[in-house]
Protein backbone atom coordinates (compact mmCIF):
# COMPACT_ATOMS: atom_id res chain seq x y z
CA MET A 1 0.04 0.13 0.23
CA SER A 2 1.29 3.40 -0.91
CA LYS A 3 -0.62 5.49 1.34
CA ASN A 4 -1.45 5.40 5.26
CA TYR A 5 -4.79 5.13 6.14
CA ASP A 6 -5.12 8.06 8.07
CA ASN A 7 -7.42 9.63 5.81
CA ALA A 8 -9.15 6.11 5.17
CA SER A 9 -12.70 7.18 6.43
CA GLU A 10 -13.19 10.16 4.59
CA ASP A 11 -11.90 8.46 1.06
CA ILE A 12 -14.49 5.54 1.53
CA ALA A 13 -17.20 7.75 2.50
CA PHE A 14 -16.34 9.89 -0.47
CA VAL A 15 -16.40 6.51 -2.90
CA ARG A 16 -19.69 5.10 -1.26
CA GLY A 17 -21.29 8.80 -1.56
CA GLU A 18 -19.71 8.55 -5.68
CA LEU A 19 -21.67 5.01 -5.89
CA THR A 20 -24.92 6.80 -4.00
CA ARG A 21 -24.95 9.14 -6.42
CA LEU A 22 -24.38 6.67 -9.62
CA ILE A 23 -27.68 4.61 -8.40
CA THR A 24 -29.96 7.49 -7.26
CA ASP A 25 -29.73 9.68 -10.20
CA PRO A 26 -32.59 8.40 -12.31
CA GLU A 27 -30.70 8.69 -15.79
CA LEU A 28 -27.29 7.11 -14.52
CA SER A 29 -29.28 4.23 -12.67
CA ALA A 30 -31.56 3.69 -16.06
CA ILE A 31 -28.36 2.72 -18.02
CA LEU A 32 -26.97 0.22 -15.49
CA GLY A 33 -30.24 -1.44 -15.06
CA ASP A 34 -32.58 -2.61 -11.98
CA GLU A 35 -30.33 -6.05 -11.30
CA VAL A 36 -26.60 -4.14 -11.19
CA VAL A 37 -28.34 -1.16 -8.95
CA GLU A 38 -29.79 -4.32 -6.64
CA ARG A 39 -26.34 -5.25 -6.46
CA MET A 40 -24.90 -2.06 -5.65
CA SER A 41 -27.05 -1.19 -2.97
CA LYS A 42 -27.18 -4.18 -1.59
CA TRP A 43 -23.32 -4.42 -1.32
CA ASP A 44 -23.14 -0.85 -0.09
CA GLY A 45 -25.57 -1.69 3.01
CA ILE A 46 -22.69 -4.66 3.64
CA ILE A 47 -20.27 -1.88 3.80
CA GLY A 48 -21.69 0.21 5.57
CA LYS A 49 -22.70 -2.40 8.35
CA LYS A 50 -18.70 -3.31 8.28
CA MET A 51 -17.62 0.17 8.86
CA ASN A 52 -19.77 0.37 12.52
CA GLU A 53 -19.84 -3.62 13.32
CA PRO A 54 -17.44 -5.26 15.22
CA PHE A 55 -14.54 -7.01 13.89
CA TYR A 56 -15.38 -10.31 12.99
CA LEU A 57 -12.53 -12.91 13.03
CA MET A 58 -14.07 -16.41 11.15
CA VAL A 59 -13.02 -19.35 12.16
CA ILE A 60 -13.59 -22.40 9.10
CA GLY A 61 -12.56 -25.72 8.46
CA ASP A 62 -13.56 -29.34 7.33
CA PHE A 63 -15.83 -31.16 9.90
CA LYS A 64 -13.79 -32.97 12.71
CA ARG A 65 -11.09 -30.41 13.03
CA GLY A 66 -11.51 -29.11 16.13
CA LYS A 67 -12.86 -25.75 15.55
CA SER A 68 -14.72 -25.49 18.55
CA THR A 69 -12.41 -26.62 21.09
CA ILE A 70 -9.68 -24.27 19.59
CA ILE A 71 -12.23 -21.44 20.18
CA ASN A 72 -12.54 -22.54 23.54
CA ALA A 73 -8.96 -22.61 23.82
CA ILE A 74 -8.50 -19.04 22.88
CA LEU A 75 -11.26 -17.83 25.25
CA GLY A 76 -10.48 -19.76 28.11
CA ARG A 77 -13.67 -20.77 28.36
CA SER A 78 -16.35 -23.48 27.48
CA ILE A 79 -18.34 -21.96 24.89
CA ALA A 80 -18.77 -23.50 21.13
CA PRO A 81 -19.85 -27.30 22.03
CA VAL A 82 -17.75 -29.85 21.61
CA ASN A 83 -18.41 -33.88 21.02
CA VAL A 84 -17.33 -36.77 19.41
CA ALA A 85 -19.77 -36.48 16.90
CA PRO A 86 -19.65 -33.00 14.66
CA GLU A 87 -21.34 -30.79 16.87
CA THR A 88 -21.47 -27.24 15.38
CA PHE A 89 -24.06 -27.32 12.63
CA THR A 90 -25.26 -23.18 12.88
CA VAL A 91 -23.20 -20.10 12.69
CA ASN A 92 -22.58 -19.08 16.10
CA CYS A 93 -21.55 -15.58 16.49
CA ILE A 94 -19.28 -15.21 19.80
CA SER A 95 -19.38 -11.57 21.39
CA TYR A 96 -18.71 -9.86 24.46
CA GLY A 97 -21.31 -9.41 26.99
CA GLU A 98 -21.34 -8.81 30.63
CA THR A 99 -23.47 -11.71 31.82
CA PRO A 100 -23.10 -14.51 29.69
CA SER A 101 -26.35 -15.52 27.30
CA VAL A 102 -27.39 -17.29 24.41
CA GLU A 103 -29.90 -16.58 21.79
CA ALA A 104 -31.36 -17.72 18.26
CA VAL A 105 -31.51 -14.91 15.82
CA LEU A 106 -34.06 -15.86 13.29
CA LYS A 107 -34.21 -14.33 9.82
CA ASN A 108 -37.43 -12.44 10.81
CA GLY A 109 -35.50 -10.77 12.90
CA LYS A 110 -36.83 -12.41 16.04
CA ARG A 111 -34.55 -13.72 19.20
CA VAL A 112 -35.21 -16.96 21.17
CA THR A 113 -33.76 -17.26 24.63
CA LEU A 114 -31.68 -20.44 25.14
CA THR A 115 -29.50 -22.13 27.41
CA GLN A 116 -25.95 -23.09 26.75
CA ASP A 117 -26.67 -26.69 26.62
CA ASP A 118 -29.15 -25.87 23.73
CA LEU A 119 -26.13 -25.35 21.67
CA SER A 120 -24.99 -29.09 21.30
CA ARG A 121 -26.67 -30.55 17.93
CA GLU A 122 -29.17 -32.79 19.25
CA ARG A 123 -30.82 -30.15 21.56
CA LEU A 124 -30.65 -27.45 18.72
CA TYR A 125 -31.95 -29.32 16.03
CA GLY A 126 -34.87 -30.57 18.28
CA LEU A 127 -35.85 -26.73 18.54
CA LEU A 128 -35.71 -25.55 15.28
CA ASP A 129 -39.22 -26.63 14.72
CA PHE A 130 -40.65 -24.66 17.60
CA PHE A 131 -38.94 -21.62 16.60
CA PRO A 132 -41.21 -18.25 15.24
CA GLY A 133 -39.08 -18.50 11.98
CA GLU A 134 -36.17 -19.54 10.34
CA LEU A 135 -32.94 -19.69 12.09
CA GLU A 136 -30.26 -17.27 10.80
CA TYR A 137 -27.26 -17.83 13.51
CA ILE A 138 -26.75 -17.97 17.24
CA ASP A 139 -25.56 -15.02 19.29
CA VAL A 140 -23.27 -16.11 22.24
CA ARG A 141 -22.39 -13.55 24.71
CA SER A 142 -19.15 -14.40 27.01
CA ASP A 143 -16.99 -12.32 29.62
CA ALA A 144 -14.01 -13.49 27.76
CA PRO A 145 -11.56 -10.68 27.87
CA ILE A 146 -10.39 -10.88 24.05
CA LEU A 147 -14.13 -10.08 22.96
CA LYS A 148 -13.71 -7.06 23.73
CA GLU A 149 -11.84 -6.61 21.10
CA ILE A 150 -12.92 -8.78 18.09
CA GLN A 151 -16.04 -11.10 17.79
CA ILE A 152 -15.52 -14.78 16.92
CA VAL A 153 -17.54 -16.72 14.55
CA ASP A 154 -17.82 -20.46 14.76
CA THR A 155 -19.00 -22.31 12.01
CA PRO A 156 -20.48 -25.57 10.43
CA GLY A 157 -18.18 -28.28 9.33
CA LEU A 158 -17.51 -27.98 5.32
CA SER A 159 -19.13 -30.59 3.31
CA ASP A 160 -21.16 -30.93 6.70
CA LEU A 161 -24.87 -30.01 4.39
CA ASP A 162 -24.42 -28.03 1.27
CA ASP A 163 -27.16 -25.62 2.88
CA LEU A 164 -24.86 -24.68 5.58
CA ASP A 165 -21.66 -24.80 3.39
CA ASN A 166 -23.79 -21.72 1.09
CA GLN A 167 -24.36 -20.08 5.17
CA VAL A 168 -20.39 -20.10 5.91
CA LYS A 169 -19.78 -18.26 2.52
CA ASP A 170 -22.26 -15.96 2.89
CA PHE A 171 -20.92 -14.97 6.58
CA LEU A 172 -17.44 -15.20 4.79
CA ILE A 173 -18.44 -11.96 2.43
CA LYS A 174 -18.96 -10.25 6.33
CA ALA A 175 -15.46 -11.75 7.70
CA ASP A 176 -12.46 -9.87 8.33
CA ALA A 177 -10.04 -12.35 8.77
CA VAL A 178 -9.99 -15.92 8.67
CA ILE A 179 -8.55 -18.73 10.68
CA TYR A 180 -8.59 -21.96 8.84
CA VAL A 181 -8.29 -25.12 10.90
CA ALA A 182 -7.32 -28.17 9.06
CA SER A 183 -5.89 -31.54 10.83
CA ALA A 184 -2.56 -33.12 11.47
CA LEU A 185 -4.29 -36.39 11.02
CA SER A 186 -5.54 -35.47 7.60
CA PRO A 187 -2.96 -32.97 6.27
CA PHE A 188 -4.70 -30.72 3.86
CA SER A 189 -6.87 -32.93 1.73
CA GLU A 190 -7.90 -31.50 -2.10
CA SER A 191 -11.45 -30.61 -0.72
CA GLU A 192 -9.63 -28.11 1.88
CA GLN A 193 -7.06 -26.42 -1.13
CA TYR A 194 -10.04 -26.22 -3.29
CA PHE A 195 -12.25 -24.52 -0.58
CA ILE A 196 -9.38 -21.96 -0.16
CA ALA A 197 -8.52 -21.82 -3.49
CA GLY A 198 -12.21 -20.91 -4.33
CA ASN A 199 -13.57 -18.99 -1.77
CA ILE A 200 -11.12 -17.33 0.61
CA VAL A 201 -8.42 -16.50 -1.71
CA PRO A 202 -10.54 -14.17 -3.91
CA GLN A 203 -12.03 -12.26 -0.77
CA ASN A 204 -8.55 -10.86 -0.53
CA PHE A 205 -8.07 -11.24 3.05
CA SER A 206 -5.31 -9.21 4.58
CA LYS A 207 -4.88 -12.10 6.99
CA VAL A 208 -5.20 -15.64 7.56
CA PHE A 209 -3.85 -18.03 9.90
CA VAL A 210 -3.87 -21.65 9.26
CA LEU A 211 -3.78 -23.72 12.10
CA VAL A 212 -2.68 -27.48 11.72
CA ASN A 213 -4.65 -28.82 15.08
CA MET A 214 -4.18 -32.28 16.69
CA ILE A 215 -0.28 -32.85 16.52
CA ASP A 216 -0.68 -33.87 19.59
CA ALA A 217 -1.87 -37.47 17.65
CA MET A 218 1.90 -37.59 16.52
CA ASN A 219 4.14 -39.86 17.89
CA THR A 220 7.52 -37.69 17.18
CA MET A 221 8.24 -34.25 16.51
CA GLU A 222 9.69 -35.40 13.06
CA ASP A 223 5.96 -36.62 12.24
CA ILE A 224 4.71 -33.22 13.82
CA GLU A 225 7.47 -31.24 11.31
CA ARG A 226 6.65 -33.23 8.12
CA VAL A 227 2.83 -32.92 8.46
CA VAL A 228 3.03 -28.89 8.95
CA ASP A 229 5.58 -28.83 6.54
CA ARG A 230 3.47 -29.95 3.87
CA ILE A 231 0.80 -27.87 4.69
CA LYS A 232 3.37 -24.84 4.95
CA GLU A 233 4.41 -26.17 1.44
CA LYS A 234 0.73 -26.30 0.16
CA CYS A 235 -0.18 -22.60 1.67
CA SER A 236 2.83 -21.11 -0.34
CA GLN A 237 1.36 -22.22 -3.65
CA ILE A 238 -2.49 -21.34 -2.81
CA ILE A 239 -2.25 -18.19 -0.77
CA PRO A 240 1.39 -17.19 0.05
CA GLY A 241 0.29 -14.68 2.94
CA ALA A 242 -1.08 -17.30 5.22
CA GLU A 243 0.67 -17.84 8.66
CA VAL A 244 0.75 -21.69 9.33
CA TYR A 245 1.01 -22.93 13.01
CA GLY A 246 0.63 -26.59 14.43
CA ILE A 247 -0.89 -26.70 17.73
CA SER A 248 -2.88 -28.89 19.87
CA GLY A 249 -5.90 -27.50 20.51
CA ILE A 250 -7.30 -29.96 23.30
CA ASP A 251 -4.19 -30.14 25.11
CA GLU A 252 -4.28 -25.95 25.36
CA TYR A 253 -7.73 -25.94 26.35
CA ARG A 254 -7.15 -28.20 29.05
CA ARG A 255 -4.46 -26.44 30.38
CA LYS A 256 -6.44 -23.06 30.57
CA ILE A 257 -9.16 -24.67 32.07
CA GLY A 258 -7.16 -26.29 34.91
CA LEU A 259 -7.83 -29.95 33.61
CA ASN A 260 -5.87 -32.62 33.55
CA ARG A 261 -3.23 -32.85 30.39
CA PRO A 262 -1.92 -36.26 29.40
CA ASP A 263 1.98 -35.86 28.57
CA ILE A 264 2.53 -39.76 27.28
CA LYS A 265 5.20 -38.09 24.92
CA GLY A 266 6.68 -35.51 26.85
CA PHE A 267 5.83 -33.08 24.55
CA GLN A 268 3.49 -30.87 26.92
CA ASP A 269 5.71 -27.97 26.86
CA TYR A 270 6.12 -27.94 23.11
CA TYR A 271 2.55 -27.98 22.76
CA GLU A 272 1.91 -24.71 25.13
CA ASN A 273 4.70 -22.83 23.14
CA GLN A 274 3.19 -23.46 19.86
CA PHE A 275 -0.31 -22.18 20.97
CA LEU A 276 1.64 -18.74 22.82
CA LYS A 277 3.00 -18.36 19.11
CA PHE A 278 -0.09 -18.53 17.63
CA GLU A 279 -1.68 -16.33 20.29
CA LEU A 280 1.25 -13.81 20.17
CA ALA A 281 0.49 -13.23 16.37
CA LEU A 282 -3.15 -13.43 17.10
CA SER A 283 -2.71 -10.42 19.44
CA ARG A 284 0.09 -8.71 17.53
CA GLU A 285 -1.40 -8.80 14.01
CA ILE A 286 -4.86 -8.86 14.45
CA ILE A 287 -6.36 -7.54 17.52
CA VAL A 288 -3.72 -4.58 17.42
CA GLN A 289 -4.01 -3.75 14.05
CA LYS A 290 -7.76 -4.66 13.75
CA ASP A 291 -8.73 -1.29 12.33
CA THR A 292 -6.54 -1.36 9.59
CA ILE A 293 -7.59 -4.98 8.49
CA ARG A 294 -10.90 -3.87 8.43
CA THR A 295 -10.28 -0.77 6.36
CA HIS A 296 -8.57 -2.88 3.91
CA ARG A 297 -11.11 -5.18 3.57
CA VAL A 298 -13.59 -2.13 2.66
CA PHE A 299 -11.13 -1.31 0.11
CA SER A 300 -11.29 -4.61 -1.20
CA MET A 301 -14.81 -5.06 -1.56
CA LEU A 302 -15.10 -1.30 -3.11
CA ARG A 303 -12.78 -2.16 -5.34
CA LEU A 304 -14.82 -5.54 -6.51
CA MET A 305 -17.74 -3.55 -6.71
CA LEU A 306 -16.53 -0.58 -8.82
CA THR A 307 -14.62 -3.01 -11.12
CA ASP A 308 -18.01 -4.82 -12.16
CA THR A 309 -19.67 -1.90 -12.58
CA LEU A 310 -17.13 0.02 -15.09
CA THR A 311 -17.22 -3.20 -17.25
CA ARG A 312 -20.68 -3.32 -17.32
CA LEU A 313 -20.77 0.67 -18.42
CA ASN A 314 -17.57 0.05 -20.84
CA MET A 315 -19.65 -2.81 -22.67
CA ILE A 316 -22.75 -0.64 -22.81
CA SER A 317 -20.80 2.44 -23.81
CA ASP A 318 -19.38 0.62 -26.70
CA MET A 319 -22.34 -0.92 -28.31
CA MET A 320 -24.57 2.61 -27.74
CA LYS A 321 -21.96 3.83 -30.25
CA MET A 322 -23.43 1.71 -32.72
CA ASP A 323 -26.06 3.07 -34.93
CA ARG A 324 -30.16 1.33 -34.67
CA GLN A 325 -28.98 -0.70 -37.68
CA LYS A 326 -25.69 -1.61 -36.53
CA LEU A 327 -27.14 -2.73 -33.27
CA ASP A 328 -30.31 -5.12 -35.20
CA LYS A 329 -27.39 -6.42 -36.99
CA LEU A 330 -25.40 -7.16 -34.03
CA SER A 331 -27.98 -8.72 -32.25
CA GLU A 332 -28.92 -10.79 -35.38
CA ASP A 333 -25.21 -11.72 -35.38
CA PHE A 334 -25.11 -12.68 -32.13
CA GLU A 335 -28.08 -15.29 -32.17
CA ARG A 336 -26.86 -16.75 -35.79
CA GLU A 337 -23.26 -16.96 -33.55
CA CYS A 338 -24.64 -18.87 -30.67
CA THR A 339 -26.20 -21.31 -32.82
CA THR A 340 -23.10 -22.13 -34.70
CA LEU A 341 -20.64 -22.10 -31.50
CA ALA A 342 -23.15 -24.31 -29.76
CA ALA A 343 -22.42 -26.99 -32.55
CA ALA A 344 -18.77 -26.27 -32.39
CA LEU A 345 -18.90 -26.88 -28.57
CA ASP A 346 -19.91 -29.98 -29.08
CA SER A 347 -17.63 -30.86 -31.71
CA LYS A 348 -14.87 -30.07 -29.48
CA LYS A 349 -16.18 -32.24 -26.61
CA PRO A 350 -14.06 -35.27 -28.06
CA LYS A 351 -11.13 -33.42 -27.53
CA ILE A 352 -11.86 -33.08 -24.11
CA ILE A 353 -11.93 -37.04 -23.66
CA LEU A 354 -9.15 -37.67 -25.80
CA SER A 355 -7.16 -34.87 -23.49
CA ILE A 356 -8.48 -36.68 -20.26
CA THR A 357 -7.60 -40.11 -21.70
CA GLU A 358 -4.10 -39.02 -22.31
CA MET A 359 -3.90 -37.63 -19.30
CA GLN A 360 -4.97 -40.69 -17.73
CA GLN A 361 -2.56 -42.80 -19.29
CA GLU A 362 0.35 -40.46 -18.23
CA ALA A 363 -1.04 -40.54 -14.37
CA GLU A 364 -1.03 -44.76 -14.99
CA HIS A 365 2.81 -44.64 -16.30
CA TRP A 366 3.84 -42.37 -13.60
CA MET A 367 2.09 -44.57 -11.13
CA TYR A 368 3.97 -47.83 -12.79
CA GLU A 369 7.05 -46.04 -12.55
CA PHE A 370 6.59 -44.98 -8.81
CA PHE A 371 5.59 -48.68 -8.01
CA THR A 372 8.57 -50.11 -9.41
CA LYS A 373 11.01 -47.68 -7.49
CA LEU A 374 8.99 -47.96 -4.63
CA ARG A 375 9.29 -52.15 -4.81
CA GLU A 376 12.85 -51.61 -4.60
CA ASP A 377 12.51 -49.21 -1.64
CA ILE A 378 10.74 -52.03 0.16
CA LEU A 379 13.26 -54.63 -0.47
CA ALA A 380 15.88 -52.23 0.50
CA CYS A 381 14.65 -52.12 3.87
CA ARG A 382 15.63 -55.40 4.88
CA THR A 383 19.30 -54.60 5.31
CA THR A 384 19.02 -51.07 6.09
CA ALA A 385 16.04 -50.44 9.13
CA ASN A 386 16.12 -52.33 12.45
CA ASP A 387 13.20 -53.56 14.37
CA GLU A 388 12.10 -50.93 15.63
CA ASP A 389 12.38 -48.15 12.97
CA VAL A 390 10.45 -50.34 11.18
CA GLU A 391 7.89 -50.71 13.30
CA ARG A 392 7.71 -47.27 14.33
CA HIS A 393 7.87 -45.99 10.59
CA PHE A 394 7.42 -47.99 7.68
CA TYR A 395 3.46 -48.46 7.80
CA SER A 396 3.16 -44.47 7.49
CA TYR A 397 6.13 -44.19 5.51
CA LEU A 398 4.40 -46.57 2.82
CA MET A 399 0.96 -44.82 3.21
CA ASP A 400 2.75 -41.80 2.67
CA LYS A 401 4.59 -42.13 -0.58
CA VAL A 402 1.36 -43.74 -2.39
CA GLY A 403 -1.03 -41.11 -0.99
CA GLU A 404 1.65 -38.50 -2.10
CA ALA A 405 2.25 -40.05 -5.42
CA TYR A 406 -1.77 -40.57 -6.13
CA ARG A 407 -2.37 -37.08 -5.24
CA LYS A 408 0.50 -35.26 -7.40
CA CYS A 409 -1.52 -36.71 -10.68
CA LEU A 410 -4.32 -35.23 -9.85
CA GLU A 411 -2.70 -32.17 -8.95
CA ILE A 412 -0.27 -31.90 -12.17
CA HIS A 413 -3.72 -32.64 -14.53
CA GLN A 414 -6.08 -30.58 -12.72
CA GLN A 415 -4.23 -27.58 -13.65
CA ARG A 416 -3.66 -29.16 -17.22
CA LEU A 417 -7.61 -29.25 -17.55
CA ASN A 418 -8.19 -26.10 -16.07
CA ASP A 419 -5.80 -24.61 -18.84
CA ILE A 420 -7.79 -26.72 -21.42
CA ILE A 421 -11.18 -25.27 -20.48
CA ASN A 422 -10.19 -21.57 -19.73
CA ASP A 423 -8.47 -21.76 -23.50
CA MET A 424 -11.92 -23.14 -24.80
CA GLY A 425 -13.93 -20.61 -22.71
CA ALA A 426 -11.63 -17.56 -24.08
CA GLU A 427 -12.35 -18.58 -27.53
CA LEU A 428 -15.75 -18.87 -27.11
CA SER A 429 -15.68 -15.14 -25.70
CA ARG A 430 -13.71 -13.92 -28.58
CA LYS A 431 -16.31 -15.81 -31.33
CA LEU A 432 -18.95 -14.26 -29.26
CA GLY A 433 -17.44 -11.05 -29.09
CA ILE A 434 -17.81 -10.48 -25.59
CA VAL A 435 -14.51 -10.60 -24.02
CA ASN A 436 -14.83 -10.53 -20.24
CA LEU A 437 -18.29 -10.43 -20.66
CA ALA A 438 -19.31 -13.61 -18.13
CA GLY A 439 -17.72 -11.01 -15.51
CA VAL A 440 -20.60 -8.98 -15.59
CA ARG A 441 -23.22 -11.24 -14.29
CA ILE A 442 -20.70 -12.39 -11.17
CA SER A 443 -21.47 -11.00 -7.82
CA CYS A 444 -18.84 -9.24 -6.30
CA SER A 445 -18.62 -11.58 -3.60
CA GLU A 446 -18.03 -14.68 -6.36
CA SER A 447 -14.45 -15.51 -7.68
CA VAL A 448 -14.47 -14.08 -11.60
CA ASN A 449 -11.68 -16.57 -12.07
CA VAL A 450 -13.02 -19.54 -13.84
CA ASN A 451 -10.62 -21.53 -12.27
CA THR A 452 -12.41 -21.67 -9.12
CA PHE A 453 -15.70 -23.10 -10.77
CA VAL A 454 -13.46 -25.52 -12.77
CA ALA A 455 -11.44 -26.55 -9.65
CA ASP A 456 -14.79 -27.15 -7.38
CA LYS A 457 -15.91 -29.66 -10.46
CA ILE A 458 -12.58 -31.40 -10.33
CA LYS A 459 -13.07 -31.39 -6.49
CA GLU A 460 -16.33 -33.01 -6.88
CA ALA A 461 -14.93 -35.36 -9.42
CA ALA A 462 -11.73 -36.31 -6.94
CA SER A 463 -13.78 -36.46 -4.19
CA GLN A 464 -15.62 -39.87 -6.38
CA GLY A 465 -12.33 -41.88 -6.72
CA ALA A 466 -10.48 -40.95 -3.85
CA ASP A 467 -11.30 -40.58 -0.13
CA ARG A 468 -12.76 -37.46 0.65
CA VAL A 469 -10.98 -36.45 3.73
CA MET A 470 -7.54 -38.21 2.93
CA GLY A 471 -7.37 -37.83 -0.96
CA PHE A 472 -5.88 -41.11 -0.57
CA PRO A 473 -7.27 -44.14 -3.19
CA SER A 474 -9.69 -45.91 -0.87
CA ALA A 475 -9.55 -48.96 -2.71
CA THR A 476 -6.25 -49.84 -1.25
CA MET A 477 -7.31 -49.49 2.48
CA PRO A 478 -7.82 -53.28 3.17
CA PHE A 479 -4.44 -53.85 1.68
CA PHE A 480 -2.85 -51.55 4.00
CA GLY A 481 -5.18 -53.06 7.03
CA ASN A 482 -2.97 -56.43 6.17
CA ILE A 483 0.51 -54.74 6.52
CA LEU A 484 -0.42 -52.90 9.66
CA LYS A 485 -1.53 -55.90 11.66
CA LYS A 486 2.14 -57.28 11.17
CA LYS A 487 4.67 -56.29 13.66
CA GLN A 488 8.18 -57.39 13.31
CA GLN A 489 10.49 -56.30 10.46
CA SER A 490 10.20 -59.18 8.58
CA GLU A 491 6.67 -59.60 8.90
CA ILE A 492 5.52 -56.36 7.83
CA ILE A 493 7.96 -56.03 4.69
CA ASP A 494 7.08 -59.70 3.67
CA SER A 495 3.14 -58.22 4.05
CA ALA A 496 4.09 -55.00 2.44
CA LEU A 497 5.44 -57.51 -0.88
CA GLU A 498 2.97 -59.65 -0.50
CA ASN A 499 0.18 -56.83 -0.90
CA TYR A 500 2.26 -54.49 -3.40
CA ASP A 501 0.37 -56.08 -6.48
CA ASP A 502 -2.84 -55.64 -5.23
CA ILE A 503 -1.71 -52.00 -3.43
CA ARG A 504 -0.42 -51.09 -7.01
CA ASN A 505 -3.36 -52.47 -8.89
CA SER A 506 -6.27 -50.51 -6.80
CA ALA A 507 -4.86 -47.43 -6.58
CA ILE A 508 -4.42 -47.43 -10.57
CA LYS A 509 -7.88 -48.12 -10.62
CA ASP A 510 -8.62 -45.35 -8.41
CA LEU A 511 -6.98 -43.25 -10.63
CA LYS A 512 -8.98 -44.37 -13.68
CA ASP A 513 -12.35 -43.70 -11.82
CA CYS A 514 -11.13 -40.00 -11.01
CA TYR A 515 -10.57 -39.53 -14.67
CA ASN A 516 -13.51 -40.86 -15.44
CA ASN A 517 -15.58 -38.29 -13.91
CA PHE A 518 -12.89 -35.43 -14.84
CA VAL A 519 -14.68 -35.96 -18.33
CA GLU A 520 -17.95 -35.59 -17.00
CA PHE A 521 -17.52 -32.88 -15.29
CA ALA A 522 -15.68 -31.40 -17.81
CA GLN A 523 -18.22 -30.94 -20.44
CA ALA A 524 -20.91 -29.67 -18.42
CA GLN A 525 -18.24 -27.23 -17.49
CA LEU A 526 -18.22 -26.04 -20.55
CA ASP A 527 -21.60 -26.34 -21.04
CA ASP A 528 -21.88 -24.18 -18.27
CA ILE A 529 -19.71 -21.48 -19.31
CA TYR A 530 -21.20 -21.26 -22.69
CA LYS A 531 -24.84 -20.80 -21.35
CA ASN A 532 -23.37 -17.67 -18.76
CA GLN A 533 -21.72 -16.11 -21.62
CA VAL A 534 -24.65 -16.37 -23.88
CA GLU A 535 -27.30 -14.85 -21.46
CA ALA A 536 -24.41 -11.99 -20.39
CA GLY A 537 -24.35 -11.31 -24.36
CA ARG A 538 -27.89 -11.36 -24.69
CA GLU A 539 -28.69 -9.13 -21.86
CA THR A 540 -26.27 -6.37 -22.83
CA VAL A 541 -27.17 -6.34 -26.22
CA ALA A 542 -30.64 -6.47 -25.63
CA GLN A 543 -30.21 -3.65 -22.90
CA ALA A 544 -28.04 -1.31 -24.99
CA MET A 545 -31.14 -1.96 -28.27
CA GLU A 546 -33.65 -0.75 -25.30
CA MET A 547 -31.65 2.33 -24.46
CA ALA A 548 -30.81 2.94 -28.10
CA ARG A 549 -34.69 2.63 -29.31
CA SER A 550 -36.50 4.27 -26.28
CA SER A 551 -34.22 7.18 -26.20
CA SER A 552 -35.08 10.14 -28.40
CA ASP A 553 -31.78 11.49 -27.67
CA THR A 554 -28.88 9.04 -28.17
CA GLU A 555 -26.08 11.83 -27.88
CA GLN A 556 -27.57 12.73 -24.49
CA THR A 557 -27.75 8.87 -23.56
CA CYS A 558 -24.13 8.39 -24.45
CA ARG A 559 -23.22 11.67 -22.10
CA ASN A 560 -24.91 10.08 -19.63
CA LEU A 561 -22.98 7.15 -20.37
CA GLU A 562 -19.65 9.16 -19.55
CA ARG A 563 -20.79 10.57 -16.72
CA ALA A 564 -21.41 7.09 -14.91
CA SER A 565 -18.21 5.96 -16.12
CA GLU A 566 -16.50 9.38 -15.01
CA ILE A 567 -17.64 8.91 -11.54
CA VAL A 568 -16.66 5.11 -11.26
CA ILE A 569 -13.08 5.81 -12.40
CA GLY A 570 -12.89 9.03 -10.06
CA ALA A 571 -13.90 6.60 -7.53
CA VAL A 572 -11.46 4.18 -8.56
CA ASN A 573 -8.65 6.72 -8.57
CA VAL A 574 -9.05 7.34 -5.23
CA LEU A 575 -8.72 3.94 -3.77
CA LYS A 576 -5.33 3.82 -5.99
CA GLN A 577 -4.01 5.56 -3.31
CA TYR A 578 -4.10 2.72 -0.91
């Protein structure tokens, strides 16, 4: 940022004022259209609330990652519901209150008083039918000191239920900073990586923490470091600015409230120090800087809205410069091109099938090479490892190696498939004459990058052929189970060799299933891109034609467009200072 935030409030007020002037001017709002005006009004309302509401620190993660336990450890209180089953299935907003309380906040604005015990999934689920309206979130008040500075949002596990995933995404727009909770037991699955890439990265948060929870489940310091380093490596590729900490939420929670802390492995001091490092960073980089972070967040939201609006104005302006006869011809040409491209799109789908088949064959070749080398490594263990080393490390080593090879194939080809679809999507845009038009219809709250949508589809495909949590070839698990039953060096290596062919064949079979699913989802993705671009193009052409036909003074309409663009560009220039 090239400027400090001393005048940020004034500049934000100026930009919001300019946008308000844009959507309240009858002539200018008519140019934008009702849909854009409504979207801008909604976002301005969100920004206005953000300037006055408490700082929101949102805790997100897949189910059973220990999010609620970590929140309780941060607060030093038993606030968020914790159980052996996934407990949190509503959004819980935890804020400061001199007197602790719990209320259900309904979408109609009504509130229902609850007890702390009602936060459990079983109790709350039974109460939902008796609420006088649909539940929006749970308002939890606590006297924990940290809540005087920030409000913590506890969220349901991702992929618990689709409607809850959408609720989490809606609250994500309101968040100021994010803690993403991963597990040392299942380090950063593909679904977790895709969620971060598709939902957190586009929001442009200035601060994201990634907590690798449950490091107390690791047997050695080497295991802890290996898992945390793997997640750091992945984060550096997806969200480089994120800070990664390996912690034990349950150990810290027990320490803070005075419960017994089992320390069989002798790592108690390490757990405490790691959590302290995280808390120091939380205090230094979020609590102390919360006003600056919130201002940065508001700037990001304004930039998204301004970019969306300016793109729309530029396209309408280009079309308005055409005379009515040219507009009629443009509309006819556009519809004719749509028909032609629909047929062309179908003709390109075999190319996708062929490309994915080639990827599948390449992945199989890689896996056969990998398993050949793996067999050599297993045989080498007979002479290089002692009994204790094999018993402690061989099984996890074997699973890590197979799982990593499996994931690597999918990661490489997912990007390659993204590139193919993006190229085809760009070609569609060019032939329709609407380059970047798809962005016009995408809400500011969503990513305008086609990769995001593609990645979501790939995630679904991968989850059908691989275990959703582990990112591991599920069909191989029974054979790994046979190996796990062995204890002595000779037995465990012999068992690995006995199951070697089955592990290799089942892993390759799982890969084939994944690539078959890639075909279906990739074709559906192209259909979606085509549909969205055609709808966006039709809408823009129709709006320009309507304006041209209904306007008695085309020159005045063009001047209004220029005036609207000048307002948006002026606001953009103000934000460029930051």
